[in-house]
Amino acid sequence: MTKLIPNDLITAIPNLYTTEDEEDPICHIKLFTPDASWTWYINELSIDDNDTCFGYVVGLESELGYFSLSEIETVRGHLGLPVERDLGFTPTRLSEVKKRS
């Protein structure tokens, strides 16, 4: 169970590996540090643990990869603020997210 994503949104995220053959998958959730420059866009989430994600990460580098929601919940920025979900973010194609990042 994660505090970052409500259950109704968790069920809308595709399971791991289900979109790996898509050329331009959808980023369903945006998480970010309000006092640092890290952002996580979730494309897929494991239905087995509701913790392991695959998506696009913007930090020191920008790359696709796996990350853990439980780890992200422990992250704090420079001012000690926790990671937040962008409530205004709507599901967006990865190509559009990359253009904006």
PDB file of N, CA and C in Angstrom:
ATOM      1  N   MET A   1       0.853  -1.190   0.000  1.00  0.00           N
ATOM      2  CA  MET A   1       0.000   0.000   0.000  1.00  0.00           C
ATOM      3  C   MET A   1       0.887   1.237   0.000  1.00  0.00           C
ATOM      4  N   THR A   2       0.563   2.160  -0.844  1.00  0.00           N
ATOM      5  CA  THR A   2       1.335   3.397  -0.932  1.00  0.00           C
ATOM      6  C   THR A   2       0.473   4.589  -0.541  1.00  0.00           C
ATOM      7  N   LYS A   3       1.115   5.566   0.046  1.00  0.00           N
ATOM      8  CA  LYS A   3       0.427   6.799   0.402  1.00  0.00           C
ATOM      9  C   LYS A   3       0.392   7.774  -0.775  1.00  0.00           C
ATOM     10  N   LEU A   4       1.257   7.533  -1.759  1.00  0.00           N
ATOM     11  CA  LEU A   4       1.392   8.468  -2.871  1.00  0.00           C
ATOM     12  C   LEU A   4       0.288   8.370  -3.907  1.00  0.00           C
ATOM     13  N   ILE A   5      -0.272   7.162  -4.079  1.00  0.00           N
ATOM     14  CA  ILE A   5      -1.246   6.947  -5.146  1.00  0.00           C
ATOM     15  C   ILE A   5      -2.504   6.306  -4.578  1.00  0.00           C
ATOM     16  N   PRO A   6      -3.669   6.910  -4.748  1.00  0.00           N
ATOM     17  CA  PRO A   6      -4.912   6.310  -4.255  1.00  0.00           C
ATOM     18  C   PRO A   6      -5.231   5.004  -5.002  1.00  0.00           C
ATOM     19  N   ASN A   7      -5.937   4.127  -4.331  1.00  0.00           N
ATOM     20  CA  ASN A   7      -6.266   2.809  -4.894  1.00  0.00           C
ATOM     21  C   ASN A   7      -6.977   2.887  -6.240  1.00  0.00           C
ATOM     22  N   ASP A   8      -7.866   3.851  -6.425  1.00  0.00           N
ATOM     23  CA  ASP A   8      -8.583   3.937  -7.699  1.00  0.00           C
ATOM     24  C   ASP A   8      -7.649   4.254  -8.859  1.00  0.00           C
ATOM     25  N   LEU A   9      -6.561   4.961  -8.594  1.00  0.00           N
ATOM     26  CA  LEU A   9      -5.585   5.244  -9.651  1.00  0.00           C
ATOM     27  C   LEU A   9      -4.623   4.068  -9.842  1.00  0.00           C
ATOM     28  N   ILE A  10      -4.311   3.369  -8.770  1.00  0.00           N
ATOM     29  CA  ILE A  10      -3.423   2.202  -8.874  1.00  0.00           C
ATOM     30  C   ILE A  10      -4.008   1.172  -9.828  1.00  0.00           C
ATOM     31  N   THR A  11      -5.296   0.938  -9.747  1.00  0.00           N
ATOM     32  CA  THR A  11      -5.916  -0.081 -10.595  1.00  0.00           C
ATOM     33  C   THR A  11      -5.966   0.326 -12.066  1.00  0.00           C
ATOM     34  N   ALA A  12      -5.763   1.604 -12.351  1.00  0.00           N
ATOM     35  CA  ALA A  12      -5.786   2.078 -13.744  1.00  0.00           C
ATOM     36  C   ALA A  12      -4.412   1.979 -14.422  1.00  0.00           C
ATOM     37  N   ILE A  13      -3.363   1.714 -13.637  1.00  0.00           N
ATOM     38  CA  ILE A  13      -2.009   1.625 -14.183  1.00  0.00           C
ATOM     39  C   ILE A  13      -1.771   0.207 -14.700  1.00  0.00           C
ATOM     40  N   PRO A  14      -1.277   0.052 -15.914  1.00  0.00           N
ATOM     41  CA  PRO A  14      -1.018  -1.289 -16.461  1.00  0.00           C
ATOM     42  C   PRO A  14       0.024  -2.048 -15.634  1.00  0.00           C
ATOM     43  N   ASN A  15      -0.114  -3.370 -15.622  1.00  0.00           N
ATOM     44  CA  ASN A  15       0.836  -4.234 -14.939  1.00  0.00           C
ATOM     45  C   ASN A  15       2.196  -4.176 -15.641  1.00  0.00           C
ATOM     46  N   LEU A  16       3.250  -4.513 -14.888  1.00  0.00           N
ATOM     47  CA  LEU A  16       4.591  -4.549 -15.470  1.00  0.00           C
ATOM     48  C   LEU A  16       4.620  -5.392 -16.734  1.00  0.00           C
ATOM     49  N   TYR A  17       5.372  -4.928 -17.690  1.00  0.00           N
ATOM     50  CA  TYR A  17       5.653  -5.594 -18.972  1.00  0.00           C
ATOM     51  C   TYR A  17       4.487  -5.596 -19.965  1.00  0.00           C
ATOM     52  N   THR A  18       3.325  -5.080 -19.591  1.00  0.00           N
ATOM     53  CA  THR A  18       2.188  -5.137 -20.518  1.00  0.00           C
ATOM     54  C   THR A  18       2.260  -4.080 -21.617  1.00  0.00           C
ATOM     55  N   THR A  19       3.045  -3.046 -21.430  1.00  0.00           N
ATOM     56  CA  THR A  19       3.154  -2.017 -22.467  1.00  0.00           C
ATOM     57  C   THR A  19       4.549  -1.968 -23.085  1.00  0.00           C
ATOM     58  N   GLU A  20       5.386  -2.966 -22.783  1.00  0.00           N
ATOM     59  CA  GLU A  20       6.780  -2.901 -23.240  1.00  0.00           C
ATOM     60  C   GLU A  20       6.923  -2.903 -24.763  1.00  0.00           C
ATOM     61  N   ASP A  21       5.934  -3.397 -25.477  1.00  0.00           N
ATOM     62  CA  ASP A  21       6.000  -3.402 -26.937  1.00  0.00           C
ATOM     63  C   ASP A  21       5.387  -2.157 -27.569  1.00  0.00           C
ATOM     64  N   GLU A  22       4.829  -1.289 -26.750  1.00  0.00           N
ATOM     65  CA  GLU A  22       4.242  -0.048 -27.276  1.00  0.00           C
ATOM     66  C   GLU A  22       5.351   0.953 -27.580  1.00  0.00           C
ATOM     67  N   GLU A  23       5.242   1.588 -28.717  1.00  0.00           N
ATOM     68  CA  GLU A  23       6.252   2.565 -29.122  1.00  0.00           C
ATOM     69  C   GLU A  23       6.181   3.835 -28.277  1.00  0.00           C
ATOM     70  N   ASP A  24       4.981   4.236 -27.890  1.00  0.00           N
ATOM     71  CA  ASP A  24       4.793   5.487 -27.154  1.00  0.00           C
ATOM     72  C   ASP A  24       3.773   5.266 -26.030  1.00  0.00           C
ATOM     73  N   PRO A  25       4.208   4.592 -24.938  1.00  0.00           N
ATOM     74  CA  PRO A  25       3.262   4.274 -23.861  1.00  0.00           C
ATOM     75  C   PRO A  25       2.795   5.524 -23.117  1.00  0.00           C
ATOM     76  N   ILE A  26       1.772   5.328 -22.330  1.00  0.00           N
ATOM     77  CA  ILE A  26       1.200   6.421 -21.540  1.00  0.00           C
ATOM     78  C   ILE A  26       1.842   6.476 -20.165  1.00  0.00           C
ATOM     79  N   CYS A  27       2.194   7.678 -19.747  1.00  0.00           N
ATOM     80  CA  CYS A  27       2.622   7.930 -18.371  1.00  0.00           C
ATOM     81  C   CYS A  27       1.347   8.240 -17.592  1.00  0.00           C
ATOM     82  N   HIS A  28       1.053   7.451 -16.584  1.00  0.00           N
ATOM     83  CA  HIS A  28      -0.218   7.565 -15.866  1.00  0.00           C
ATOM     84  C   HIS A  28      -0.162   8.466 -14.639  1.00  0.00           C
ATOM     85  N   ILE A  29       0.999   8.491 -13.978  1.00  0.00           N
ATOM     86  CA  ILE A  29       1.144   9.229 -12.726  1.00  0.00           C
ATOM     87  C   ILE A  29       2.450  10.016 -12.777  1.00  0.00           C
ATOM     88  N   LYS A  30       2.423  11.214 -12.206  1.00  0.00           N
ATOM     89  CA  LYS A  30       3.641  12.018 -12.067  1.00  0.00           C
ATOM     90  C   LYS A  30       3.887  12.261 -10.583  1.00  0.00           C
ATOM     91  N   LEU A  31       5.067  11.866 -10.123  1.00  0.00           N
ATOM     92  CA  LEU A  31       5.513  12.135  -8.757  1.00  0.00           C
ATOM     93  C   LEU A  31       6.704  13.078  -8.844  1.00  0.00           C
ATOM     94  N   PHE A  32       6.868  13.956  -7.859  1.00  0.00           N
ATOM     95  CA  PHE A  32       7.968  14.916  -7.930  1.00  0.00           C
ATOM     96  C   PHE A  32       8.400  15.369  -6.542  1.00  0.00           C
ATOM     97  N   THR A  33       9.627  15.860  -6.472  1.00  0.00           N
ATOM     98  CA  THR A  33      10.110  16.484  -5.246  1.00  0.00           C
ATOM     99  C   THR A  33       9.865  17.987  -5.374  1.00  0.00           C
ATOM    100  N   PRO A  34       9.072  18.565  -4.478  1.00  0.00           N
ATOM    101  CA  PRO A  34       8.756  19.996  -4.599  1.00  0.00           C
ATOM    102  C   PRO A  34       9.949  20.905  -4.317  1.00  0.00           C
ATOM    103  N   ASP A  35      10.982  20.373  -3.658  1.00  0.00           N
ATOM    104  CA  ASP A  35      12.139  21.200  -3.316  1.00  0.00           C
ATOM    105  C   ASP A  35      13.446  20.638  -3.889  1.00  0.00           C
ATOM    106  N   ALA A  36      13.321  19.864  -4.950  1.00  0.00           N
ATOM    107  CA  ALA A  36      14.492  19.343  -5.665  1.00  0.00           C
ATOM    108  C   ALA A  36      14.071  19.134  -7.127  1.00  0.00           C
ATOM    109  N   SER A  37      14.956  18.597  -7.917  1.00  0.00           N
ATOM    110  CA  SER A  37      14.648  18.512  -9.347  1.00  0.00           C
ATOM    111  C   SER A  37      14.449  17.076  -9.822  1.00  0.00           C
ATOM    112  N   TRP A  38      13.782  16.255  -9.048  1.00  0.00           N
ATOM    113  CA  TRP A  38      13.518  14.865  -9.426  1.00  0.00           C
ATOM    114  C   TRP A  38      12.041  14.674  -9.728  1.00  0.00           C
ATOM    115  N   THR A  39      11.770  13.919 -10.793  1.00  0.00           N
ATOM    116  CA  THR A  39      10.397  13.610 -11.193  1.00  0.00           C
ATOM    117  C   THR A  39      10.343  12.162 -11.674  1.00  0.00           C
ATOM    118  N   TRP A  40       9.280  11.466 -11.295  1.00  0.00           N
ATOM    119  CA  TRP A  40       9.050  10.086 -11.709  1.00  0.00           C
ATOM    120  C   TRP A  40       7.699  10.011 -12.412  1.00  0.00           C
ATOM    121  N   TYR A  41       7.701   9.475 -13.632  1.00  0.00           N
ATOM    122  CA  TYR A  41       6.468   9.260 -14.383  1.00  0.00           C
ATOM    123  C   TYR A  41       6.241   7.748 -14.443  1.00  0.00           C
ATOM    124  N   ILE A  42       5.091   7.295 -13.993  1.00  0.00           N
ATOM    125  CA  ILE A  42       4.820   5.860 -13.919  1.00  0.00           C
ATOM    126  C   ILE A  42       4.047   5.401 -15.150  1.00  0.00           C
ATOM    127  N   ASN A  43       4.649   4.430 -15.860  1.00  0.00           N
ATOM    128  CA  ASN A  43       4.000   3.798 -17.016  1.00  0.00           C
ATOM    129  C   ASN A  43       3.343   2.482 -16.614  1.00  0.00           C
ATOM    130  N   GLU A  44       4.010   1.730 -15.740  1.00  0.00           N
ATOM    131  CA  GLU A  44       3.531   0.405 -15.323  1.00  0.00           C
ATOM    132  C   GLU A  44       3.790   0.220 -13.836  1.00  0.00           C
ATOM    133  N   LEU A  45       2.972  -0.638 -13.220  1.00  0.00           N
ATOM    134  CA  LEU A  45       3.096  -0.937 -11.795  1.00  0.00           C
ATOM    135  C   LEU A  45       2.821  -2.417 -11.587  1.00  0.00           C
ATOM    136  N   SER A  46       3.659  -3.069 -10.805  1.00  0.00           N
ATOM    137  CA  SER A  46       3.473  -4.496 -10.533  1.00  0.00           C
ATOM    138  C   SER A  46       2.194  -4.743  -9.746  1.00  0.00           C
ATOM    139  N   ILE A  47       1.314  -5.596 -10.261  1.00  0.00           N
ATOM    140  CA  ILE A  47       0.105  -5.946  -9.507  1.00  0.00           C
ATOM    141  C   ILE A  47       0.435  -6.929  -8.392  1.00  0.00           C
ATOM    142  N   ASP A  48       1.619  -7.535  -8.445  1.00  0.00           N
ATOM    143  CA  ASP A  48       2.025  -8.478  -7.404  1.00  0.00           C
ATOM    144  C   ASP A  48       2.375  -7.787  -6.095  1.00  0.00           C
ATOM    145  N   ASP A  49       3.025  -6.611  -6.186  1.00  0.00           N
ATOM    146  CA  ASP A  49       3.433  -5.940  -4.949  1.00  0.00           C
ATOM    147  C   ASP A  49       2.953  -4.491  -4.829  1.00  0.00           C
ATOM    148  N   ASN A  50       2.352  -3.939  -5.874  1.00  0.00           N
ATOM    149  CA  ASN A  50       1.921  -2.531  -5.882  1.00  0.00           C
ATOM    150  C   ASN A  50       3.029  -1.595  -5.410  1.00  0.00           C
ATOM    151  N   ASP A  51       4.271  -1.955  -5.764  1.00  0.00           N
ATOM    152  CA  ASP A  51       5.420  -1.168  -5.329  1.00  0.00           C
ATOM    153  C   ASP A  51       6.416  -0.953  -6.465  1.00  0.00           C
ATOM    154  N   THR A  52       6.689  -1.984  -7.228  1.00  0.00           N
ATOM    155  CA  THR A  52       7.668  -1.905  -8.307  1.00  0.00           C
ATOM    156  C   THR A  52       7.051  -1.235  -9.525  1.00  0.00           C
ATOM    157  N   CYS A  53       7.703  -0.178  -9.978  1.00  0.00           N
ATOM    158  CA  CYS A  53       7.202   0.593 -11.117  1.00  0.00           C
ATOM    159  C   CYS A  53       8.216   0.595 -12.252  1.00  0.00           C
ATOM    160  N   PHE A  54       7.706   0.832 -13.438  1.00  0.00           N
ATOM    161  CA  PHE A  54       8.557   1.123 -14.586  1.00  0.00           C
ATOM    162  C   PHE A  54       8.076   2.447 -15.150  1.00  0.00           C
ATOM    163  N   GLY A  55       9.022   3.311 -15.458  1.00  0.00           N
ATOM    164  CA  GLY A  55       8.635   4.591 -16.013  1.00  0.00           C
ATOM    165  C   GLY A  55       9.824   5.456 -16.354  1.00  0.00           C
ATOM    166  N   TYR A  56       9.548   6.706 -16.533  1.00  0.00           N
ATOM    167  CA  TYR A  56      10.534   7.695 -16.956  1.00  0.00           C
ATOM    168  C   TYR A  56      10.937   8.521 -15.747  1.00  0.00           C
ATOM    169  N   VAL A  57      12.240   8.579 -15.496  1.00  0.00           N
ATOM    170  CA  VAL A  57      12.753   9.303 -14.340  1.00  0.00           C
ATOM    171  C   VAL A  57      13.593  10.477 -14.825  1.00  0.00           C
ATOM    172  N   VAL A  58      13.297  11.640 -14.277  1.00  0.00           N
ATOM    173  CA  VAL A  58      14.060  12.841 -14.597  1.00  0.00           C
ATOM    174  C   VAL A  58      14.751  13.278 -13.316  1.00  0.00           C
ATOM    175  N   GLY A  59      16.072  13.218 -13.327  1.00  0.00           N
ATOM    176  CA  GLY A  59      16.875  13.611 -12.173  1.00  0.00           C
ATOM    177  C   GLY A  59      18.203  14.136 -12.668  1.00  0.00           C
ATOM    178  N   LEU A  60      19.289  13.506 -12.223  1.00  0.00           N
ATOM    179  CA  LEU A  60      20.598  13.879 -12.745  1.00  0.00           C
ATOM    180  C   LEU A  60      20.685  13.558 -14.232  1.00  0.00           C
ATOM    181  N   GLU A  61      20.025  12.487 -14.628  1.00  0.00           N
ATOM    182  CA  GLU A  61      19.871  12.081 -16.019  1.00  0.00           C
ATOM    183  C   GLU A  61      18.383  11.843 -16.253  1.00  0.00           C
ATOM    184  N   SER A  62      17.984  11.712 -17.490  1.00  0.00           N
ATOM    185  CA  SER A  62      16.607  11.346 -17.819  1.00  0.00           C
ATOM    186  C   SER A  62      16.648   9.977 -18.472  1.00  0.00           C
ATOM    187  N   GLU A  63      15.919   9.011 -17.880  1.00  0.00           N
ATOM    188  CA  GLU A  63      15.981   7.654 -18.416  1.00  0.00           C
ATOM    189  C   GLU A  63      14.758   6.842 -18.025  1.00  0.00           C
ATOM    190  N   LEU A  64      14.496   5.808 -18.810  1.00  0.00           N
ATOM    191  CA  LEU A  64      13.475   4.824 -18.476  1.00  0.00           C
ATOM    192  C   LEU A  64      14.094   3.803 -17.537  1.00  0.00           C
ATOM    193  N   GLY A  65      13.322   3.356 -16.546  1.00  0.00           N
ATOM    194  CA  GLY A  65      13.855   2.362 -15.627  1.00  0.00           C
ATOM    195  C   GLY A  65      12.844   1.947 -14.585  1.00  0.00           C
ATOM    196  N   TYR A  66      13.301   1.067 -13.701  1.00  0.00           N
ATOM    197  CA  TYR A  66      12.475   0.547 -12.618  1.00  0.00           C
ATOM    198  C   TYR A  66      12.756   1.332 -11.345  1.00  0.00           C
ATOM    199  N   PHE A  67      11.728   1.518 -10.541  1.00  0.00           N
ATOM    200  CA  PHE A  67      11.884   2.175  -9.253  1.00  0.00           C
ATOM    201  C   PHE A  67      10.796   1.682  -8.312  1.00  0.00           C
ATOM    202  N   SER A  68      10.995   1.951  -7.040  1.00  0.00           N
ATOM    203  CA  SER A  68      10.116   1.438  -5.995  1.00  0.00           C
ATOM    204  C   SER A  68       9.361   2.587  -5.320  1.00  0.00           C
ATOM    205  N   LEU A  69       8.052   2.437  -5.203  1.00  0.00           N
ATOM    206  CA  LEU A  69       7.248   3.458  -4.519  1.00  0.00           C
ATOM    207  C   LEU A  69       7.638   3.580  -3.049  1.00  0.00           C
ATOM    208  N   SER A  70       7.935   2.440  -2.415  1.00  0.00           N
ATOM    209  CA  SER A  70       8.313   2.489  -0.995  1.00  0.00           C
ATOM    210  C   SER A  70       9.614   3.264  -0.803  1.00  0.00           C
ATOM    211  N   GLU A  71      10.541   3.167  -1.739  1.00  0.00           N
ATOM    212  CA  GLU A  71      11.768   3.955  -1.663  1.00  0.00           C
ATOM    213  C   GLU A  71      11.480   5.429  -1.891  1.00  0.00           C
ATOM    214  N   ILE A  72      10.657   5.708  -2.885  1.00  0.00           N
ATOM    215  CA  ILE A  72      10.335   7.104  -3.193  1.00  0.00           C
ATOM    216  C   ILE A  72       9.658   7.781  -2.001  1.00  0.00           C
ATOM    217  N   GLU A  73       8.868   7.040  -1.249  1.00  0.00           N
ATOM    218  CA  GLU A  73       8.203   7.619  -0.077  1.00  0.00           C
ATOM    219  C   GLU A  73       9.201   8.066   0.994  1.00  0.00           C
ATOM    220  N   THR A  74      10.422   7.559   0.958  1.00  0.00           N
ATOM    221  CA  THR A  74      11.436   7.951   1.946  1.00  0.00           C
ATOM    222  C   THR A  74      12.283   9.129   1.475  1.00  0.00           C
ATOM    223  N   VAL A  75      12.172   9.495   0.202  1.00  0.00           N
ATOM    224  CA  VAL A  75      12.984  10.572  -0.374  1.00  0.00           C
ATOM    225  C   VAL A  75      12.529  11.922   0.173  1.00  0.00           C
ATOM    226  N   ARG A  76      13.510  12.753   0.474  1.00  0.00           N
ATOM    227  CA  ARG A  76      13.256  14.131   0.900  1.00  0.00           C
ATOM    228  C   ARG A  76      14.148  15.043   0.084  1.00  0.00           C
ATOM    229  N   GLY A  77      13.631  16.218  -0.252  1.00  0.00           N
ATOM    230  CA  GLY A  77      14.411  17.202  -0.994  1.00  0.00           C
ATOM    231  C   GLY A  77      15.281  18.017  -0.059  1.00  0.00           C
ATOM    232  N   HIS A  78      15.840  19.089  -0.578  1.00  0.00           N
ATOM    233  CA  HIS A  78      16.773  19.936   0.171  1.00  0.00           C
ATOM    234  C   HIS A  78      16.154  20.546   1.428  1.00  0.00           C
ATOM    235  N   LEU A  79      14.875  20.819   1.386  1.00  0.00           N
ATOM    236  CA  LEU A  79      14.195  21.424   2.541  1.00  0.00           C
ATOM    237  C   LEU A  79      13.486  20.389   3.408  1.00  0.00           C
ATOM    238  N   GLY A  80      13.681  19.109   3.073  1.00  0.00           N
ATOM    239  CA  GLY A  80      13.065  18.042   3.860  1.00  0.00           C
ATOM    240  C   GLY A  80      11.645  17.706   3.458  1.00  0.00           C
ATOM    241  N   LEU A  81      11.180  18.245   2.330  1.00  0.00           N
ATOM    242  CA  LEU A  81       9.807  17.982   1.890  1.00  0.00           C
ATOM    243  C   LEU A  81       9.708  16.623   1.207  1.00  0.00           C
ATOM    244  N   PRO A  82       8.623  15.895   1.434  1.00  0.00           N
ATOM    245  CA  PRO A  82       8.456  14.575   0.817  1.00  0.00           C
ATOM    246  C   PRO A  82       8.011  14.684  -0.648  1.00  0.00           C
ATOM    247  N   VAL A  83       8.128  13.577  -1.338  1.00  0.00           N
ATOM    248  CA  VAL A  83       7.661  13.478  -2.718  1.00  0.00           C
ATOM    249  C   VAL A  83       6.143  13.613  -2.739  1.00  0.00           C
ATOM    250  N   GLU A  84       5.627  14.270  -3.761  1.00  0.00           N
ATOM    251  CA  GLU A  84       4.184  14.471  -3.915  1.00  0.00           C
ATOM    252  C   GLU A  84       3.728  13.953  -5.271  1.00  0.00           C
ATOM    253  N   ARG A  85       2.439  13.661  -5.365  1.00  0.00           N
ATOM    254  CA  ARG A  85       1.838  13.343  -6.652  1.00  0.00           C
ATOM    255  C   ARG A  85       1.305  14.632  -7.249  1.00  0.00           C
ATOM    256  N   ASP A  86       1.557  14.847  -8.522  1.00  0.00           N
ATOM    257  CA  ASP A  86       1.049  16.026  -9.217  1.00  0.00           C
ATOM    258  C   ASP A  86      -0.438  15.797  -9.479  1.00  0.00           C
ATOM    259  N   LEU A  87      -1.272  16.472  -8.721  1.00  0.00           N
ATOM    260  CA  LEU A  87      -2.725  16.284  -8.817  1.00  0.00           C
ATOM    261  C   LEU A  87      -3.299  16.803 -10.127  1.00  0.00           C
ATOM    262  N   GLY A  88      -2.587  17.679 -10.801  1.00  0.00           N
ATOM    263  CA  GLY A  88      -3.064  18.229 -12.059  1.00  0.00           C
ATOM    264  C   GLY A  88      -2.594  17.454 -13.284  1.00  0.00           C
ATOM    265  N   PHE A  89      -1.762  16.447 -13.073  1.00  0.00           N
ATOM    266  CA  PHE A  89      -1.235  15.683 -14.196  1.00  0.00           C
ATOM    267  C   PHE A  89      -2.298  14.738 -14.741  1.00  0.00           C
ATOM    268  N   THR A  90      -2.443  14.734 -16.049  1.00  0.00           N
ATOM    269  CA  THR A  90      -3.353  13.790 -16.695  1.00  0.00           C
ATOM    270  C   THR A  90      -2.513  12.812 -17.507  1.00  0.00           C
ATOM    271  N   PRO A  91      -2.985  11.574 -17.678  1.00  0.00           N
ATOM    272  CA  PRO A  91      -2.211  10.595 -18.444  1.00  0.00           C
ATOM    273  C   PRO A  91      -1.777  11.174 -19.788  1.00  0.00           C
ATOM    274  N   THR A  92      -0.478  11.032 -20.050  1.00  0.00           N
ATOM    275  CA  THR A  92       0.151  11.673 -21.197  1.00  0.00           C
ATOM    276  C   THR A  92       1.130  10.707 -21.856  1.00  0.00           C
ATOM    277  N   ARG A  93       1.202  10.744 -23.163  1.00  0.00           N
ATOM    278  CA  ARG A  93       2.139   9.902 -23.899  1.00  0.00           C
ATOM    279  C   ARG A  93       3.582  10.253 -23.496  1.00  0.00           C
ATOM    280  N   LEU A  94       4.417   9.224 -23.443  1.00  0.00           N
ATOM    281  CA  LEU A  94       5.815   9.399 -23.069  1.00  0.00           C
ATOM    282  C   LEU A  94       6.527  10.417 -23.950  1.00  0.00           C
ATOM    283  N   SER A  95       6.240  10.408 -25.234  1.00  0.00           N
ATOM    284  CA  SER A  95       6.901  11.361 -26.149  1.00  0.00           C
ATOM    285  C   SER A  95       6.596  12.802 -25.754  1.00  0.00           C
ATOM    286  N   GLU A  96       5.381  13.069 -25.294  1.00  0.00           N
ATOM    287  CA  GLU A  96       5.014  14.425 -24.854  1.00  0.00           C
ATOM    288  C   GLU A  96       5.711  14.776 -23.534  1.00  0.00           C
ATOM    289  N   VAL A  97       5.785  13.807 -22.625  1.00  0.00           N
ATOM    290  CA  VAL A  97       6.472  14.028 -21.349  1.00  0.00           C
ATOM    291  C   VAL A  97       7.932  14.362 -21.608  1.00  0.00           C
ATOM    292  N   LYS A  98       8.563  13.636 -22.521  1.00  0.00           N
ATOM    293  CA  LYS A  98       9.980  13.897 -22.832  1.00  0.00           C
ATOM    294  C   LYS A  98      10.171  15.293 -23.416  1.00  0.00           C
ATOM    295  N   LYS A  99       9.228  15.761 -24.212  1.00  0.00           N
ATOM    296  CA  LYS A  99       9.331  17.114 -24.783  1.00  0.00           C
ATOM    297  C   LYS A  99       9.290  18.178 -23.705  1.00  0.00           C
ATOM    298  N   ARG A 100       8.497  17.936 -22.665  1.00  0.00           N
ATOM    299  CA  ARG A 100       8.303  18.913 -21.591  1.00  0.00           C
ATOM    300  C   ARG A 100       9.410  18.877 -20.553  1.00  0.00           C
ATOM    301  N   SER A 101      10.134  17.773 -20.483  1.00  0.00           N
ATOM    302  CA  SER A 101      11.153  17.591 -19.432  1.00  0.00           C
ATOM    303  C   SER A 101      12.467  18.251 -19.781  1.00  0.00           C
TER     304      SER A 101
END
